[in-house]
Structure formats: C-alpha cells, structure tokens
Protein backbone atom coordinates (compact mmCIF):
# COMPACT_ATOMS: atom_id res chain seq x y z
CA MET A 1 207.16 64.04 86.90
CA GLN A 2 209.03 65.49 89.82
CA LEU A 3 211.56 68.04 88.64
CA THR A 4 212.89 71.23 90.13
CA LEU A 5 212.44 74.57 88.44
CA LYS A 6 216.19 74.66 87.89
CA GLN A 7 216.16 71.27 86.14
CA ILE A 8 213.32 72.32 83.85
CA ALA A 9 215.04 75.60 83.02
CA SER A 10 218.10 73.62 81.99
CA MET A 11 216.05 71.18 79.91
CA CYS A 12 214.36 73.96 77.92
CA GLU A 13 217.43 76.22 77.80
CA GLY A 14 215.78 79.10 79.65
CA VAL A 15 216.79 81.47 82.41
CA LEU A 16 215.00 82.10 85.69
CA SER A 17 213.28 85.38 86.43
CA PRO A 18 214.47 87.46 89.41
CA ASN A 19 213.63 86.23 92.91
CA SER A 20 212.84 82.69 91.67
CA ASN A 21 213.22 79.64 93.88
CA PRO A 22 215.18 77.13 91.74
CA ASP A 23 214.34 74.26 94.09
CA ILE A 24 210.53 74.30 93.89
CA ILE A 25 209.09 71.03 92.61
CA ILE A 26 206.98 70.76 89.44
CA ASN A 27 204.68 67.75 89.08
CA ASN A 28 202.97 68.47 85.77
CA VAL A 29 202.99 70.81 82.78
CA VAL A 30 199.94 72.54 81.26
CA ILE A 31 199.22 75.10 78.54
CA ASP A 32 195.63 75.77 79.66
CA SER A 33 195.28 77.83 82.83
CA ARG A 34 192.00 76.03 83.54
CA ALA A 35 193.85 72.70 83.75
CA VAL A 36 196.24 73.87 86.44
CA MET A 37 196.74 71.69 89.50
CA PRO A 38 198.98 72.29 92.53
CA GLN A 39 202.68 72.34 91.56
CA SER A 40 201.87 72.90 87.88
CA LEU A 41 204.16 74.62 85.40
CA PHE A 42 202.13 76.81 83.02
CA VAL A 43 203.57 77.29 79.54
CA ALA A 44 202.35 80.56 78.00
CA ILE A 45 201.79 79.50 74.38
CA VAL A 46 201.19 82.12 71.71
CA GLY A 47 198.53 80.52 69.52
CA ASP A 48 196.38 81.61 66.61
CA ASN A 49 193.47 82.63 68.81
CA ASN A 50 194.90 83.16 72.28
CA ASN A 51 198.09 84.42 73.88
CA GLY A 52 198.92 82.40 76.96
CA HIS A 53 200.75 85.36 78.47
CA ASN A 54 197.33 86.88 79.13
CA PHE A 55 196.58 83.97 81.46
CA ILE A 56 199.73 83.84 83.57
CA GLN A 57 198.07 85.53 86.52
CA SER A 58 195.03 83.24 86.37
CA SER A 59 197.30 80.20 86.20
CA PHE A 60 199.04 81.29 89.40
CA ASP A 61 195.66 82.07 90.97
CA ASN A 62 194.55 78.53 90.09
CA GLY A 63 197.55 76.96 91.83
CA ALA A 64 200.46 76.96 89.39
CA ASN A 65 203.81 77.53 91.04
CA SER A 66 205.81 78.41 87.90
CA ALA A 67 205.58 79.38 84.24
CA ILE A 68 207.52 79.46 80.99
CA VAL A 69 207.28 82.81 79.20
CA ASN A 70 208.65 84.45 76.06
CA HIS A 71 211.54 86.85 76.50
CA THR A 72 209.44 89.60 74.88
CA HIS A 73 206.98 89.50 77.77
CA ASP A 74 207.52 91.88 80.68
CA VAL A 75 207.99 89.31 83.42
CA MET A 76 206.47 90.50 86.67
CA TYR A 77 206.52 87.21 88.55
CA PRO A 78 209.17 85.09 90.26
CA ASN A 79 209.48 81.39 89.34
CA CYS A 80 209.27 82.05 85.63
CA ILE A 81 211.55 80.53 83.00
CA ILE A 82 212.31 83.02 80.24
CA VAL A 83 212.82 81.56 76.75
CA GLU A 84 213.04 82.67 73.12
CA ASP A 85 209.85 80.82 72.08
CA THR A 86 207.51 79.01 74.45
CA THR A 87 206.32 76.45 71.87
CA LEU A 88 209.89 75.47 71.02
CA ALA A 89 210.78 75.42 74.71
CA LEU A 90 207.90 73.03 75.39
CA GLY A 91 209.20 70.74 72.65
CA LEU A 92 212.78 70.89 73.94
CA LEU A 93 211.64 70.18 77.47
CA ALA A 94 209.67 67.14 76.25
CA LYS A 95 212.60 65.88 74.18
CA ASN A 96 215.02 66.03 77.09
CA TYR A 97 212.46 64.57 79.50
CA ARG A 98 211.75 61.69 77.12
CA ASN A 99 215.46 60.88 76.99
CA THR A 100 215.41 60.10 80.72
CA PHE A 101 213.32 57.00 79.90
CA THR A 102 215.42 54.40 78.12
CA ASN A 103 213.46 51.17 78.59
CA ILE A 104 209.87 52.11 77.71
CA PRO A 105 208.51 51.33 74.22
CA ILE A 106 207.40 54.58 72.64
CA VAL A 107 205.16 54.13 69.60
CA ALA A 108 204.57 56.90 67.03
CA ILE A 109 201.62 56.59 64.63
CA THR A 110 200.67 58.74 61.66
CA GLY A 111 198.64 58.44 58.45
CA SER A 112 196.03 60.30 56.46
CA ASN A 113 193.19 58.30 58.02
CA GLY A 114 192.86 56.08 61.07
CA LYS A 115 195.50 57.55 63.39
CA THR A 116 193.21 57.95 66.37
CA THR A 117 191.44 54.64 65.77
CA ILE A 118 194.75 52.76 65.65
CA LYS A 119 195.97 54.58 68.75
CA GLU A 120 192.80 53.66 70.65
CA MET A 121 192.79 50.05 69.42
CA LEU A 122 196.44 49.65 70.41
CA LYS A 123 195.75 51.27 73.76
CA LYS A 124 193.04 48.70 74.45
CA VAL A 125 195.36 45.81 73.51
CA CYS A 126 198.14 47.17 75.73
CA GLU A 127 195.75 47.68 78.64
CA VAL A 128 194.87 43.99 78.43
CA GLU A 129 198.55 43.03 78.26
CA PHE A 130 200.03 45.40 80.85
CA GLY A 131 197.12 46.85 82.85
CA GLU A 132 195.40 50.17 82.31
CA GLU A 133 197.57 52.07 84.77
CA HIS A 134 200.72 51.10 82.86
CA VAL A 135 199.63 52.49 79.47
CA LEU A 136 199.98 56.12 78.37
CA ALA A 137 198.33 57.22 75.12
CA SER A 138 197.62 60.60 73.54
CA LYS A 139 194.34 62.01 74.80
CA ASN A 140 191.71 62.88 72.22
CA SER A 141 193.76 64.03 69.21
CA PHE A 142 196.73 65.50 71.05
CA ASN A 143 198.85 65.04 67.94
CA ASN A 144 200.44 68.43 67.18
CA GLN A 145 203.38 70.56 68.33
CA TRP A 146 201.71 71.07 71.71
CA GLY A 147 199.80 67.83 72.24
CA VAL A 148 202.71 65.47 71.60
CA PRO A 149 205.09 67.21 74.05
CA LEU A 150 202.36 67.42 76.69
CA THR A 151 201.72 63.68 76.37
CA ILE A 152 205.45 62.90 76.64
CA LEU A 153 205.64 65.01 79.79
CA GLN A 154 203.05 62.69 81.37
CA ILE A 155 205.37 59.67 81.16
CA ARG A 156 206.05 58.11 84.54
CA PRO A 157 208.40 55.26 85.54
CA THR A 158 205.37 53.01 86.07
CA HIS A 159 204.40 53.17 82.40
CA LYS A 160 205.24 50.12 80.30
CA VAL A 161 204.29 51.59 76.91
CA VAL A 162 203.63 55.06 75.46
CA ILE A 163 201.44 55.48 72.36
CA LEU A 164 201.73 58.78 70.47
CA GLU A 165 199.47 59.93 67.66
CA MET A 166 201.19 62.39 65.33
CA GLY A 167 199.42 64.61 62.80
CA MET A 168 200.62 67.08 60.23
CA ASN A 169 199.50 69.36 57.42
CA HIS A 170 202.87 70.83 56.39
CA HIS A 171 206.35 69.58 55.64
CA GLY A 172 208.66 69.51 58.65
CA GLU A 173 205.99 68.95 61.30
CA LEU A 174 206.44 65.19 61.64
CA HIS A 175 210.22 65.58 61.53
CA TYR A 176 209.95 67.94 64.50
CA LEU A 177 207.62 65.66 66.48
CA SER A 178 209.58 62.50 65.74
CA GLU A 179 212.87 64.07 66.84
CA ILE A 180 211.18 65.12 70.09
CA ALA A 181 209.64 61.70 70.76
CA HIS A 182 212.58 59.58 69.57
CA PRO A 183 210.15 56.66 69.09
CA THR A 184 211.23 53.07 69.52
CA ILE A 185 208.62 52.10 66.89
CA ALA A 186 207.12 54.37 64.22
CA THR A 187 204.68 53.65 61.39
CA VAL A 188 202.62 55.28 58.64
CA ASN A 189 199.14 53.80 58.26
CA ASN A 190 198.28 55.22 54.82
CA VAL A 191 198.71 58.11 52.40
CA LEU A 192 195.47 59.65 51.11
CA LEU A 193 194.03 63.00 50.01
CA SER A 194 194.11 64.61 53.44
CA HIS A 195 195.42 68.18 53.84
CA VAL A 196 196.36 68.01 50.16
CA GLY A 197 195.73 71.76 49.91
CA PHE A 198 199.11 72.24 51.59
CA PHE A 199 200.96 69.85 49.27
CA LYS A 200 201.60 69.34 45.56
CA ASP A 201 200.17 65.83 45.28
CA LEU A 202 200.01 62.44 46.99
CA THR A 203 203.73 61.84 46.50
CA ASP A 204 204.43 65.11 48.30
CA ILE A 205 202.16 64.00 51.15
CA ALA A 206 204.01 60.66 51.30
CA HIS A 207 207.34 62.48 51.66
CA ALA A 208 205.91 64.47 54.59
CA LYS A 209 204.39 61.37 56.23
CA GLY A 210 207.74 59.60 55.99
CA GLU A 211 209.26 62.21 58.29
CA ILE A 212 207.87 60.23 61.22
CA TYR A 213 210.82 57.89 60.67
CA ASP A 214 213.33 60.72 61.14
CA GLY A 215 213.43 60.12 64.89
CA ILE A 216 214.28 56.42 64.43
CA HIS A 217 217.87 55.75 65.49
CA GLY A 218 219.97 52.78 66.57
CA ASP A 219 217.97 49.65 67.37
CA ASN A 220 214.60 51.39 67.10
CA VAL A 221 212.22 50.11 64.42
CA ALA A 222 210.64 51.68 61.36
CA LEU A 223 207.49 49.60 60.83
CA ILE A 224 206.66 49.61 57.11
CA ASN A 225 203.20 48.86 55.75
CA THR A 226 203.95 47.30 52.35
CA GLN A 227 200.32 47.78 51.31
CA VAL A 228 200.95 51.53 51.10
CA PRO A 229 202.06 52.31 47.51
CA TYR A 230 204.68 54.81 48.70
CA HIS A 231 206.47 52.49 51.11
CA THR A 232 209.42 51.97 48.74
CA MET A 233 210.21 55.68 49.04
CA TRP A 234 210.53 55.36 52.81
CA VAL A 235 212.51 52.12 52.58
CA ALA A 236 215.08 53.74 50.29
CA ASN A 237 215.55 56.63 52.70
CA LEU A 238 215.80 54.37 55.73
CA ARG A 239 218.39 52.17 54.01
CA GLN A 240 220.59 55.20 53.44
CA ARG A 241 220.45 55.84 57.19
CA ASN A 242 221.02 52.15 58.07
CA CYS A 243 217.81 52.08 60.08
CA LYS A 244 216.20 48.87 61.28
CA MET A 245 213.02 48.07 59.33
CA VAL A 246 210.22 45.56 59.85
CA ARG A 247 207.66 45.04 57.11
CA PHE A 248 204.06 43.94 57.42
CA GLY A 249 201.02 43.61 55.18
CA SER A 250 202.04 40.74 52.90
CA ASP A 251 202.62 37.00 53.28
CA GLY A 252 206.08 36.30 54.66
CA GLU A 253 206.24 39.55 56.62
CA LEU A 254 205.50 40.26 60.29
CA CYS A 255 201.75 39.90 59.77
CA TYR A 256 199.11 40.12 57.06
CA LEU A 257 195.34 39.90 56.64
CA GLN A 258 194.48 36.31 55.73
CA ASN A 259 190.72 36.54 55.36
CA VAL A 260 187.43 37.99 56.61
CA ASP A 261 184.36 35.77 56.46
CA ASP A 262 180.78 36.82 55.75
CA ASP A 263 180.07 37.24 59.47
CA GLY A 264 182.96 39.67 59.92
CA ASN A 265 185.33 37.26 61.65
CA ILE A 266 188.89 38.40 60.92
CA ASN A 267 191.97 36.19 60.61
CA ILE A 268 195.40 37.83 60.65
CA MET A 269 198.46 35.63 60.27
CA THR A 270 201.53 36.64 62.26
CA LYS A 271 204.98 35.19 62.90
CA ASN A 272 203.74 34.44 66.42
CA GLY A 273 200.59 32.62 65.32
CA GLU A 274 197.08 33.37 64.08
CA VAL A 275 195.03 36.25 65.46
CA LYS A 276 191.23 35.77 65.34
CA PHE A 277 188.66 38.36 66.34
CA LYS A 278 185.58 40.32 65.30
CA LEU A 279 185.47 44.12 65.51
CA ASN A 280 182.65 46.12 67.06
CA VAL A 281 183.05 48.90 64.50
CA LEU A 282 181.94 49.17 60.89
CA GLY A 283 184.11 49.43 57.80
CA ASP A 284 186.76 47.59 55.82
CA HIS A 285 189.10 50.49 56.58
CA ASN A 286 188.94 49.52 60.24
CA ILE A 287 189.89 45.96 59.36
CA TYR A 288 193.05 47.32 57.74
CA ASN A 289 193.58 49.58 60.76
CA SER A 290 193.50 46.45 62.92
CA VAL A 291 196.29 44.85 60.85
CA THR A 292 198.51 47.81 61.74
CA VAL A 293 197.53 47.39 65.38
CA VAL A 294 198.47 43.71 65.31
CA ALA A 295 201.90 44.55 63.84
CA LEU A 296 202.55 47.21 66.48
CA SER A 297 201.33 44.94 69.27
CA ILE A 298 203.72 42.16 68.30
CA LEU A 299 206.69 44.54 68.24
CA ILE A 300 205.72 45.86 71.67
CA GLY A 301 205.61 42.31 72.98
CA CYS A 302 201.90 41.69 73.45
CA SER A 303 200.59 38.13 73.44
CA ILE A 304 198.17 36.77 70.83
CA SER A 305 195.48 36.42 73.51
CA SER A 306 195.89 40.08 74.57
CA ILE A 307 195.71 41.22 70.94
CA GLU A 308 192.52 39.26 70.34
CA SER A 309 190.93 40.35 73.59
CA GLY A 310 191.83 44.01 73.13
CA LEU A 311 190.51 44.21 69.56
CA LYS A 312 187.30 42.46 70.57
CA GLN A 313 186.80 45.00 73.36
CA TYR A 314 187.47 48.07 71.21
CA THR A 315 184.44 50.31 70.67
CA PRO A 316 184.26 53.26 68.24
CA TYR A 317 185.93 56.44 69.39
CA SER A 318 183.98 59.68 69.62
CA HIS A 319 182.45 60.75 66.26
CA ARG A 320 184.24 57.96 64.38
CA MET A 321 181.69 55.51 62.99
CA GLU A 322 179.70 55.66 66.22
CA LYS A 323 176.29 54.01 66.02
CA PHE A 324 173.19 55.50 67.66
CA SER A 325 169.44 55.08 67.57
CA ALA A 326 167.58 58.12 66.26
CA PHE A 327 164.56 59.73 67.88
CA ASN A 328 162.29 57.54 65.69
CA GLY A 329 164.29 54.31 65.75
CA ALA A 330 166.33 54.94 62.62
CA ILE A 331 170.06 54.21 62.73
CA ILE A 332 172.56 57.09 62.94
CA ILE A 333 176.21 56.56 62.03
CA ASP A 334 178.24 59.47 63.39
CA ASP A 335 181.49 59.85 61.45
CA SER A 336 181.53 63.62 61.84
CA TYR A 337 184.93 64.10 63.47
CA ASN A 338 186.72 64.91 60.23
CA GLY A 339 186.74 64.07 56.57
CA ASN A 340 188.62 63.81 53.31
CA PRO A 341 187.52 62.22 50.03
CA ASP A 342 188.86 58.77 50.91
CA SER A 343 187.32 58.68 54.37
CA VAL A 344 183.95 59.74 52.91
CA LYS A 345 184.09 56.82 50.49
CA SER A 346 185.14 54.45 53.28
CA ALA A 347 182.21 55.55 55.44
CA ILE A 348 179.69 55.05 52.63
CA LEU A 349 181.08 51.58 51.90
CA ALA A 350 181.01 50.75 55.60
CA VAL A 351 177.24 51.29 55.91
CA ALA A 352 176.35 49.43 52.70
CA LYS A 353 174.79 46.48 54.55
CA LEU A 354 172.79 48.56 57.03
CA PRO A 355 169.03 49.05 56.61
CA LYS A 356 167.78 51.09 53.67
CA PRO A 357 167.05 53.76 52.65
CA LEU A 358 170.46 55.34 53.17
CA TRP A 359 170.34 59.03 53.99
CA MET A 360 173.49 61.09 54.23
CA VAL A 361 174.24 64.45 55.82
CA PHE A 362 177.37 65.78 54.12
CA GLY A 363 179.36 68.91 54.92
CA ASP A 364 182.27 70.62 53.18
CA LEU A 365 185.71 68.98 53.19
CA GLY A 366 188.55 71.36 54.00
CA GLU A 367 192.24 71.68 53.11
CA LEU A 368 191.89 70.22 49.60
CA GLY A 369 193.37 73.23 47.80
CA ALA A 370 193.25 72.91 44.02
CA TYR A 371 191.44 69.58 44.42
CA THR A 372 188.50 71.10 46.29
CA GLU A 373 185.96 71.44 43.49
CA SER A 374 186.88 68.31 41.56
CA GLU A 375 186.83 66.06 44.64
CA HIS A 376 183.46 67.36 45.83
CA ILE A 377 182.04 66.71 42.36
CA LYS A 378 183.49 63.18 42.20
CA LEU A 379 181.88 62.37 45.55
CA GLY A 380 178.45 63.20 44.14
CA GLU A 381 178.92 60.51 41.50
CA PHE A 382 180.30 58.08 44.11
CA MET A 383 177.29 58.63 46.35
CA HIS A 384 174.92 57.81 43.53
CA SER A 385 176.81 54.70 42.40
CA HIS A 386 177.00 53.44 45.99
CA HIS A 387 173.31 53.83 46.71
CA VAL A 388 172.93 56.94 48.83
CA ASP A 389 169.16 57.39 48.55
CA ASN A 390 168.78 60.87 50.00
CA LEU A 391 171.51 63.51 50.26
CA LEU A 392 171.37 66.46 52.66
CA THR A 393 174.21 68.96 52.27
CA ILE A 394 175.51 72.03 54.03
CA GLY A 395 178.40 74.30 53.10
CA GLN A 396 179.77 75.93 49.97
CA TYR A 397 181.37 73.10 48.04
CA THR A 398 178.77 70.45 48.79
CA LEU A 399 176.55 72.33 46.34
CA LEU A 400 178.83 70.87 43.67
CA THR A 401 178.37 67.43 45.21
CA GLY A 402 174.61 67.77 45.23
CA ASN A 403 174.39 69.00 41.65
CA LYS A 404 176.47 66.06 40.43
CA TYR A 405 174.45 63.68 42.56
CA ILE A 406 171.08 64.67 41.08
CA GLU A 407 172.62 64.76 37.61
CA CYS A 408 173.37 61.07 38.16
CA THR A 409 170.13 60.15 39.90
CA GLY A 410 167.82 62.16 37.67
CA ASP A 411 165.71 62.84 40.77
CA ILE A 412 165.80 66.45 42.00
CA ASN A 413 163.85 65.44 45.11
CA SER A 414 166.67 63.21 46.38
CA TRP A 415 168.88 66.17 47.34
CA CYS A 416 168.31 69.10 49.69
CA HIS A 417 170.80 71.82 50.56
CA PHE A 418 170.60 73.66 53.88
CA GLU A 419 171.96 76.89 55.28
CA SER A 420 172.07 75.76 58.92
CA ILE A 421 172.36 72.69 61.11
CA ASP A 422 169.02 73.54 62.74
CA ASN A 423 167.34 73.36 59.34
CA ILE A 424 168.84 69.91 58.71
CA VAL A 425 167.63 68.72 62.11
CA GLN A 426 164.09 69.97 61.54
CA TYR A 427 163.97 68.39 58.08
CA CYS A 428 165.11 65.04 59.47
CA LYS A 429 162.62 65.16 62.33
CA SER A 430 159.84 65.62 59.79
CA ASN A 431 161.04 63.30 57.02
CA LEU A 432 163.60 60.70 58.16
CA PRO A 433 162.04 57.23 57.73
CA GLU A 434 161.94 54.99 60.77
CA ASN A 435 163.76 52.19 58.94
CA ALA A 436 166.49 54.43 57.48
CA THR A 437 170.22 54.66 58.11
CA LEU A 438 171.55 58.22 58.45
CA LEU A 439 175.28 58.70 57.82
CA VAL A 440 176.75 62.02 59.04
CA LYS A 441 180.08 63.06 57.53
CA GLY A 442 182.14 66.21 56.91
CA SER A 443 185.14 68.19 58.11
CA ASN A 444 185.25 68.84 61.83
CA SER A 445 184.87 72.55 61.17
CA MET A 446 181.31 71.88 59.95
CA GLN A 447 180.37 70.73 63.50
CA LEU A 448 177.99 68.10 62.17
CA TRP A 449 178.13 66.28 65.49
CA GLN A 450 175.46 68.79 66.47
CA VAL A 451 173.11 67.10 64.00
CA VAL A 452 173.75 63.77 65.70
CA ASN A 453 173.26 65.15 69.19
CA GLN A 454 169.90 66.64 68.28
CA LEU A 455 168.58 63.60 66.40
CA LYS A 456 169.73 60.68 68.51
CA GLU A 457 167.36 59.01 70.92
CA GLU A 458 167.25 60.55 74.36
CA LYS A 459 168.10 58.18 77.19
C-alpha cells in the first residue's frame, strides 16, 4: 500500500482534521497501537473491551503518521480522518482498496468447521504453485469485521492470490464481509451446530452461511459443495441472481473423493486428473476439508502436482489436532482451539486408531443457546459409545456430559470433574498412563491449551 492521506480519506468517506497534510504517505493500516510501524495509519476501533481512541497518542508515539477517529472524539491531532464510525470506515476503506485490484483471485471461505484448516491447506498449495511471497492469506483467525478488512489492506500488486477466512455468529455478518471482499471465488465448507445459540436452527445457520455468496457478481464463481444438505437453498438464490456456479463433491462435478485406503492414501478425482496424497493430520473431517481445497485450487489455476505437494506438506495448525508427546511418553492431541458438538465428535473419531486407553479433557461448549444442555448430555453418550476410557471435565455444562457418561459406563471412577486447569494438570501428572492418548477439546474460552502446554514433553 502506498496511498496519501487524502486518498484514504476519500476511500472511507471521512474529512481531515485541521492542519493535516493531505499528501503524507501511508504504507499500512493497523488497529493495535503496538503493531504500528513507520507511516502507519491507526484506526481507533471502539471494541467490547477497549476503545482505540485511548491509544491514539501511543500510536503516534510508536511511529504512526495518521489516524481514523470517530466524529464524537475531540480531535486534538493533525493528520486524522474524522468519520461517523471507525469500524465501518475500515470496511469501506478495504472495499474501495480491494476494487483497485482487478486481476487477482480472491477466495472467501466459510463454514461451521474447518475454515482455518482449509485456508492453511490452500495457502500451502498456492505457495507451491506461485511462491510464498506471492500468496496472501488471513493471519491466525482474522475472519471478522476487523480482520478481513485488515487482510485486504495488505494486498500488494505482487500477490497472485488472496485467501480470506470469513466467520460469523449473526445474520448479516457474512453479507457485510463478502460485499467488502467482492471475492472471485466463495464457498461454504459445511453447516453444523456452531454458534447455534444465535440462530433458530440449522436451516437458519445455512441461510446465514449462504450470505458469503452475496459478494459474487459477474464472472466470479460461487463454489457449491453438493455434499452439504443445504446447498440447494444457496443454488436457488444464486440462480435468481444469475450467478455463475461450480459444483463439487459428487461424480461428474469439478472434483469428488474417490477413495481412501487403509493406509490413509487419498484419491480425489478432478476434471483435470487424479489427485493422490496422504495428509499429515488426523481425522476424516480433514479428508473432506482437503476435497474443498482441491476444488478451490483447481479454480485458482493450480496444477495437480502443486495440489499434491501442498497437501502432503500441510501440518496441523495451532491447537487444531496437533500431536505432541506428553511428559511421560503418552500421546497428546491438542484440538483445544474451539469446539461445537460436531467437531467434538470428529475429534473423538479421529483418534480412534491411536493407542489406548483414550483419555479426554473436555471443557464447556459455548454459543449453543437452547441446545446447550441437550448437546452436552448427548456427547456423554457419544463418548461412551466411541470408547473414551477416562473423562476429565471442567466447566458448568460438562457436568451434564460426565453424569451421562458414567450412567452409560456404569463406572463412577472413569469420570472426574475439576474446578481448575491446574487441578487437571496435577491429576494427569499423577495418573495418565504412559501408553495413553489424551485428547483435549473445548471452546476456546476454556483455555484448555494451557493443559497441553503444561503436560507436553519439554524440549
């Protein structure tokens, strides 16, 4: 990025504060004053926990040369752009900046599970195809009303592909992000019981997920996974808008999963030929994630060899089915980043072939609304029927899981509930068998990654 303050003010429909220099150059945009570099524009976001206007001075002290501020703030600095709402201004700036790039594939990915994994798998494939320096992808889980615009504002003419992860937990959020990004390719990976506390049911979630296609216009492509039960809903809407659609997931479409052998070798048939590889990450759900990656890769223009090489090179992303050795040689599977009922089941199924006994640390699942109690209870039965041998829980609703679990097992000694992470760690250090597999899973708010960090082998 190399824009003048005047250009940025025009892009976000703001006005300059008194004594501003409209010709100063901005090279990057930040919302964290600690991330400021020389020639940075600091956007003073009003968030749930912090008000960025309290950090304007520190951003200038750290080297910023400009800022975007709300009109309600008493502006005391030159080189500020005054707007009605800084979050909306950031989005508008990103939208207009994105529209200056007309020949770069911009991919938008959403889904209840697997968004980050697909983004990282696709990033690896594209790095093989185009070179690492030519690929821009959302960092971490920069997938909301701030993260997506910030990623877009990092686009440079040297990039050959941009990969955007988009998340949501309310209606309208994906519509907003998709209209900002104007993706050339957009897809929904799946529709599951994630954030269901903010929706009526799965159909309502599917409607909200389908909003990612709202930014598809002209020759851009809505990539439809026909294995998702709700895909017909999206197809009907896209037909009304005369949008271009490409289907995948079944024979005769862009690509589909042909088979997986007993050694984990995966064959995916595509219109460009057969893709053969073996993943370095556990779980059938990641096999299905890889089918989505293959479909996206083909539309971007990646070769079969790049797709195979990239998927072979992919390693688990932070706290997503990561495998570690414990202090005593046991296996730890860290899937603690986040959780919903379906991802819990997927994780348990994924470790089925690992050494026994299977121990599981399980924390509360959030944002389930009216489904909270019933889904936690159902998981207790699922854990028993899928051979979890020892259950360690923490949180309020996992008490329901544990009670159902021992009701099924008939063994009160197979479940322990804890009030703190430290207590779980101490229990495991005293009791975890050397030949065990320990699966760690729960909502990110439970911070169960701390269990992993304290139990894994020190190097």
